Structure formats: C-alpha cells, structure tokens
N, C-alpha and C. Protein backbone atom coordinates (compact mmCIF):
# COMPACT_ATOMS: atom_id res chain seq x y z
N MET A 1 0.90 -1.10 0.17
CA MET A 1 0.09 0.05 0.05
C MET A 1 1.06 0.98 0.30
N GLY A 2 0.67 1.94 -0.84
CA GLY A 2 1.44 3.23 -1.00
C GLY A 2 0.98 4.57 -0.46
N PRO A 3 1.78 5.28 -0.54
CA PRO A 3 1.44 6.90 0.44
C PRO A 3 0.05 7.29 -0.12
N PHE A 4 -0.25 7.33 -1.50
CA PHE A 4 -1.37 8.27 -1.87
C PHE A 4 -2.61 7.51 -1.49
N GLU A 5 -2.36 5.72 -1.46
CA GLU A 5 -3.48 5.04 -1.31
C GLU A 5 -3.92 5.23 0.57
N MET A 6 -2.79 5.45 0.97
CA MET A 6 -2.88 5.79 2.70
C MET A 6 -3.79 7.13 2.75
N VAL A 7 -3.37 8.16 1.97
CA VAL A 7 -3.87 9.15 2.26
C VAL A 7 -5.44 9.13 1.95
N CYS A 8 -5.57 8.75 0.42
CA CYS A 8 -7.02 8.47 0.19
C CYS A 8 -8.07 7.53 1.35
N ILE A 9 -7.52 6.82 1.90
CA ILE A 9 -8.19 6.13 2.84
C ILE A 9 -8.17 6.93 4.01
N ILE A 10 -7.49 7.70 4.50
CA ILE A 10 -7.37 8.65 5.73
C ILE A 10 -8.57 9.76 5.05
N VAL A 11 -8.65 10.17 3.90
CA VAL A 11 -9.49 11.12 3.86
C VAL A 11 -10.95 10.52 3.67
N ILE A 12 -11.36 9.71 3.03
CA ILE A 12 -12.55 8.90 3.21
C ILE A 12 -12.90 8.61 4.38
N ALA A 13 -12.33 7.77 5.08
CA ALA A 13 -12.63 7.71 6.71
C ALA A 13 -12.96 8.96 7.43
N SER A 14 -12.09 10.04 7.20
CA SER A 14 -12.60 11.50 7.70
C SER A 14 -13.98 11.78 7.33
N LEU A 15 -14.00 12.04 6.38
CA LEU A 15 -15.40 12.74 5.43
C LEU A 15 -16.60 11.22 6.17
N GLY A 16 -16.51 10.11 6.04
CA GLY A 16 -17.48 9.22 6.61
C GLY A 16 -17.71 9.45 7.92
N TYR A 17 -16.64 9.71 8.88
CA TYR A 17 -16.68 9.99 10.20
C TYR A 17 -17.95 11.74 10.39
N ALA A 18 -17.22 12.59 9.57
CA ALA A 18 -17.98 13.94 9.62
C ALA A 18 -19.32 13.85 9.03
N ALA A 19 -19.77 12.91 8.22
CA ALA A 19 -20.93 12.39 7.62
C ALA A 19 -22.09 11.84 8.53
N TYR A 20 -21.12 11.11 9.52
CA TYR A 20 -22.04 10.13 10.45
C TYR A 20 -22.26 11.46 11.66
N GLU A 21 -21.34 12.16 12.49
CA GLU A 21 -21.52 13.39 13.41
C GLU A 21 -22.75 14.31 12.62
N ALA A 22 -22.65 14.57 11.59
CA ALA A 22 -24.01 15.29 11.13
C ALA A 22 -24.95 14.85 11.33
N LYS A 23 -25.15 13.45 10.96
CA LYS A 23 -26.46 12.67 10.95
C LYS A 23 -27.03 12.61 12.54
N LEU A 24 -25.83 12.36 13.26
CA LEU A 24 -26.26 12.02 14.96
C LEU A 24 -26.93 13.75 15.22
N LYS A 25 -26.19 14.52 14.88
CA LYS A 25 -26.37 16.09 15.27
C LYS A 25 -27.80 16.26 14.82
N SER A 26 -28.03 16.09 13.47
CA SER A 26 -29.30 16.24 13.17
C SER A 26 -30.63 15.56 13.79
N LYS A 27 -30.46 14.50 14.00
CA LYS A 27 -31.41 13.48 14.73
C LYS A 27 -31.56 14.04 15.85
N SER A 28 -30.50 14.62 16.78
CA SER A 28 -30.92 15.20 17.81
C SER A 28 -31.60 16.32 17.93
N GLN A 29 -31.31 17.09 17.07
CA GLN A 29 -32.09 18.42 16.60
C GLN A 29 -33.60 18.01 16.68
N ASP A 30 -33.89 17.05 15.84
CA ASP A 30 -34.83 16.71 15.58
C ASP A 30 -35.88 16.36 16.52
N ASP A 31 -35.07 15.70 17.32
CA ASP A 31 -35.84 14.88 18.63
C ASP A 31 -36.08 16.05 19.67
N ALA A 32 -35.19 17.38 19.73
CA ALA A 32 -35.33 18.19 20.62
C ALA A 32 -36.59 19.30 20.07
N LEU A 33 -36.71 19.26 18.60
CA LEU A 33 -37.91 20.29 18.06
C LEU A 33 -39.12 19.48 18.19
N SER A 34 -39.04 18.23 18.07
CA SER A 34 -40.46 17.57 18.62
C SER A 34 -40.77 17.39 19.82
N GLU A 35 -39.79 17.49 21.01
CA GLU A 35 -40.29 17.65 22.42
C GLU A 35 -40.72 18.96 22.61
N SER A 36 -40.27 20.25 22.15
CA SER A 36 -40.54 21.34 22.20
C SER A 36 -42.04 21.38 21.60
N SER A 37 -42.04 20.73 20.48
CA SER A 37 -43.53 21.06 20.11
C SER A 37 -44.39 20.73 20.74
N SER A 38 -44.25 19.23 21.28
CA SER A 38 -44.94 18.44 22.25
C SER A 38 -45.29 19.61 23.20
N GLU A 39 -44.15 19.92 24.06
CA GLU A 39 -44.54 20.86 25.09
C GLU A 39 -45.37 22.28 24.95
N LEU A 40 -45.44 22.55 23.49
CA LEU A 40 -45.94 23.60 23.35
C LEU A 40 -47.38 23.18 23.18
N GLU A 41 -47.88 22.40 22.57
CA GLU A 41 -49.01 21.91 22.65
C GLU A 41 -49.45 21.76 23.89
N ASN A 42 -49.00 21.11 24.90
CA ASN A 42 -49.72 21.04 26.20
C ASN A 42 -49.68 22.48 27.09
N MET A 43 -48.61 23.19 26.73
CA MET A 43 -48.89 24.61 27.04
C MET A 43 -50.16 25.28 26.52
N LYS A 44 -50.25 25.21 25.53
CA LYS A 44 -51.81 25.61 24.88
C LYS A 44 -52.84 25.28 25.57
N GLN A 45 -52.94 23.85 25.42
CA GLN A 45 -54.10 23.37 26.18
C GLN A 45 -54.12 23.43 27.75
N GLU A 46 -53.10 23.82 28.29
CA GLU A 46 -53.24 24.45 29.60
C GLU A 46 -54.07 25.64 29.71
N LEU A 47 -53.49 26.68 29.03
CA LEU A 47 -53.89 28.00 28.95
C LEU A 47 -55.44 27.82 28.64
N ALA A 48 -55.75 27.22 27.52
CA ALA A 48 -57.30 27.25 27.26
C ALA A 48 -57.98 26.98 28.51
N GLU A 49 -57.81 25.70 29.24
CA GLU A 49 -58.34 25.49 30.38
C GLU A 49 -58.30 26.29 31.52
N LEU A 50 -56.90 27.11 31.34
CA LEU A 50 -57.02 27.92 32.53
C LEU A 50 -58.11 29.34 32.19
N LYS A 51 -58.14 29.66 30.90
CA LYS A 51 -59.09 30.74 30.51
C LYS A 51 -60.57 30.36 30.72
N GLN A 52 -60.72 28.96 30.85
CA GLN A 52 -62.55 28.41 31.04
C GLN A 52 -62.55 28.77 32.56
N ARG A 53 -61.48 28.28 33.35
CA ARG A 53 -61.72 28.53 34.60
C ARG A 53 -61.72 29.97 35.13
N VAL A 54 -61.44 30.86 34.74
CA VAL A 54 -61.25 32.37 34.52
C VAL A 54 -62.50 32.95 34.22
N ALA A 55 -63.12 32.41 33.27
CA ALA A 55 -64.38 32.99 32.59
C ALA A 55 -65.42 32.56 33.56
N ALA A 56 -65.27 31.43 33.95
CA ALA A 56 -66.33 30.69 35.16
C ALA A 56 -66.52 31.69 36.71
N LEU A 57 -64.77 31.97 36.91
CA LEU A 57 -64.90 32.54 38.35
C LEU A 57 -65.53 34.23 37.90
N GLU A 58 -65.23 34.40 37.00
CA GLU A 58 -65.80 35.83 36.68
C GLU A 58 -67.32 36.14 36.43
N THR A 59 -67.75 35.04 36.04
CA THR A 59 -69.33 34.81 36.13
C THR A 59 -69.72 34.61 37.45
N ILE A 60 -69.19 34.03 38.12
CA ILE A 60 -69.41 33.75 39.44
C ILE A 60 -69.38 35.10 40.36
N VAL A 61 -68.28 35.67 40.07
CA VAL A 61 -68.34 36.82 41.13
C VAL A 61 -68.96 38.07 40.62
N THR A 62 -69.44 38.01 39.34
CA THR A 62 -70.20 39.33 39.11
C THR A 62 -71.74 38.99 39.15
N ASP A 63 -71.93 37.72 39.31
CA ASP A 63 -73.45 37.31 39.71
C ASP A 63 -74.21 38.16 41.00
N LYS A 64 -75.17 38.73 40.80
CA LYS A 64 -75.68 39.48 41.85
C LYS A 64 -76.19 38.81 43.23
N LYS A 65 -76.35 37.43 42.86
CA LYS A 65 -76.40 36.59 43.88
C LYS A 65 -75.47 36.21 45.05
N TYR A 66 -73.91 36.46 44.13
CA TYR A 66 -73.08 36.32 44.95
C TYR A 66 -72.61 37.96 45.94
N ASP A 67 -73.23 38.79 45.16
CA ASP A 67 -73.07 40.09 45.88
C ASP A 67 -73.77 39.96 47.17
N LEU A 68 -74.75 39.49 46.90
CA LEU A 68 -75.78 39.02 48.06
C LEU A 68 -75.30 38.37 49.16
N SER A 69 -74.96 37.33 48.90
CA SER A 69 -74.27 36.51 49.96
C SER A 69 -73.26 37.07 50.61
N GLU A 70 -72.35 37.82 49.67
CA GLU A 70 -71.20 38.42 50.25
C GLU A 70 -71.87 39.45 51.41
N GLN A 71 -72.69 40.35 51.22
CA GLN A 71 -73.35 41.30 52.08
C GLN A 71 -73.81 40.57 53.10
N ILE A 72 -74.53 39.49 53.21
CA ILE A 72 -75.26 38.68 54.29
C ILE A 72 -73.87 38.34 55.05
N GLU A 73 -73.09 37.55 54.61
CA GLU A 73 -71.72 37.32 55.50
C GLU A 73 -71.18 38.40 56.22
N GLU A 74 -71.03 39.66 55.71
CA GLU A 74 -70.59 40.72 56.41
C GLU A 74 -71.42 41.10 57.30
N LEU A 75 -72.57 41.16 57.58
CA LEU A 75 -73.42 41.33 58.30
C LEU A 75 -73.56 40.13 59.56
N ARG A 76 -73.20 39.36 59.20
CA ARG A 76 -73.44 38.42 60.27
C ARG A 76 -71.80 38.30 60.81
N SER A 77 -71.00 39.00 60.37
CA SER A 77 -69.52 39.04 61.63
C SER A 77 -69.66 40.17 62.28
C-alpha cells in the first residue's frame, strides 16, 4: 500500500466520520424540536383550560346573588 492510497483512505474515513456526526446532530435536533413542539401543545391546552376557569370565576363573582351572599356574610360577622 503506497502513500497515495493511505492518504485516500484517511480522507475517505474522515469524510465518513464527519457525515456520521452530522447525521447524529441532525437527529438530536429533530428530537429536541419534537419535544418542544409537544411541550408547546401541552401549554396551549393548559392555557385554554385556565381561560375557561377564569371565565367561570368571573361569572360567579359578577353574579348578583354572589354580591348578596357577600353582604349577608358581612352582616353576620
């Protein structure tokens, strides 16, 4: 095996290793992206649930019966 063949083998091996590293890096970025995407969906769902709860609480607090019961409780104490 001559020096030219040795250099060719080293260059090919280096390029193969670089391609392998690039593939692993790309795969890890895709995994991170899918995790952040699912986390975003969970946050959106939680936000929607919280908005529903706040709307229900606003309805309860602005209800005239609620004011009346608060006034009665104040008179009792």
